[in-house]
Amino acid sequence: MTYNYTTEGTCSKKITFDIDENGILHNVSFLGGCNGNLKAIGLLVEGKKATDIMDILKGNTCGMRPTSCADQLAKAIQEVIK
């Protein structure tokens, strides 16, 4: 199933991703933000267990901001699996 998450406090504005019936992430993409870095995140998490990625990325910050695009992905996953 495809999910869309509107980010808060980051340069990216939206995250789109799929989580399959086995809890595996696919097709993670960010709208806005640091294009190369966010494409890399999508490639690195492809095919990985969503809960594992959530645990790894949760709490990651960007500069002086209290969040980051990676942290926002963790929050998006958390929202979906509640």
Protein backbone atom coordinates (compact mmCIF):
# COMPACT_ATOMS: atom_id res chain seq x y z
CA MET A 1 0.00 0.00 0.00
CA THR A 2 1.23 3.52 -0.82
CA TYR A 3 1.44 6.16 1.88
CA ASN A 4 1.98 9.91 1.74
CA TYR A 5 3.34 11.85 4.69
CA THR A 6 3.57 15.64 4.93
CA THR A 7 6.81 16.51 6.68
CA GLU A 8 7.30 19.15 9.37
CA GLY A 9 10.44 21.18 10.05
CA THR A 10 12.45 20.00 7.05
CA CYS A 11 13.32 21.20 3.56
CA SER A 12 11.45 18.25 2.06
CA LYS A 13 7.70 18.71 1.96
CA LYS A 14 6.37 15.19 1.47
CA ILE A 15 7.46 11.56 1.66
CA THR A 16 5.83 8.85 -0.43
CA PHE A 17 6.51 5.17 0.24
CA ASP A 18 5.06 1.68 0.09
CA ILE A 19 4.97 -0.93 2.83
CA ASP A 20 4.08 -4.40 1.63
CA GLU A 21 2.14 -7.09 3.51
CA ASN A 22 5.39 -8.32 5.08
CA GLY A 23 6.28 -4.89 6.49
CA ILE A 24 8.97 -4.21 3.88
CA LEU A 25 9.66 -0.69 2.54
CA HIS A 26 9.60 0.08 -1.17
CA ASN A 27 9.65 3.14 -3.43
CA VAL A 28 10.64 5.73 -0.80
CA SER A 29 10.78 9.19 -2.36
CA PHE A 30 10.95 12.71 -0.99
CA LEU A 31 9.51 15.89 -2.50
CA GLY A 32 11.96 18.75 -2.05
CA GLY A 33 15.03 18.72 0.16
CA CYS A 34 18.56 17.63 -0.70
CA ASN A 35 17.92 15.65 -3.87
CA GLY A 36 21.02 13.43 -3.91
CA ASN A 37 20.97 12.62 -0.21
CA LEU A 38 17.27 11.83 -0.20
CA LYS A 39 17.56 9.62 -3.28
CA ALA A 40 20.34 7.78 -1.43
CA ILE A 41 18.12 7.25 1.62
CA GLY A 42 15.47 5.77 -0.67
CA LEU A 43 18.00 3.38 -2.18
CA LEU A 44 19.47 2.40 1.19
CA VAL A 45 16.11 1.54 2.78
CA GLU A 46 14.65 -0.26 -0.26
CA GLY A 47 13.64 -3.80 0.64
CA LYS A 48 14.34 -3.37 4.35
CA LYS A 49 11.96 -4.04 7.23
CA ALA A 50 10.05 -0.82 7.96
CA THR A 51 10.30 -1.18 11.74
CA ASP A 52 14.08 -1.64 11.55
CA ILE A 53 14.44 1.52 9.45
CA MET A 54 12.16 3.41 11.85
CA ASP A 55 14.34 2.41 14.82
CA ILE A 56 17.56 3.37 13.03
CA LEU A 57 16.42 6.78 11.74
CA LYS A 58 14.28 7.96 14.68
CA GLY A 59 15.74 11.03 16.39
CA ASN A 60 18.24 11.92 13.65
CA THR A 61 18.61 15.72 13.44
CA CYS A 62 19.76 18.14 10.72
CA GLY A 63 21.97 20.99 11.88
CA MET A 64 20.20 22.96 14.59
CA ARG A 65 16.79 21.56 13.65
CA PRO A 66 15.17 19.12 16.06
CA THR A 67 14.32 16.77 13.16
CA SER A 68 15.58 15.74 9.73
CA CYS A 69 14.21 14.16 6.58
CA ALA A 70 15.37 10.77 7.89
CA ASP A 71 13.63 11.39 11.22
CA GLN A 72 10.50 12.41 9.35
CA LEU A 73 10.60 9.08 7.47
CA ALA A 74 10.80 7.30 10.83
CA LYS A 75 7.77 9.29 12.05
CA ALA A 76 5.88 8.49 8.85
CA ILE A 77 6.53 4.77 9.29
CA GLN A 78 5.53 4.97 12.94
CA GLU A 79 2.26 6.65 11.98
CA VAL A 80 1.47 3.93 9.46
CA ILE A 81 2.19 0.97 11.72
CA LYS A 82 0.23 2.27 14.74
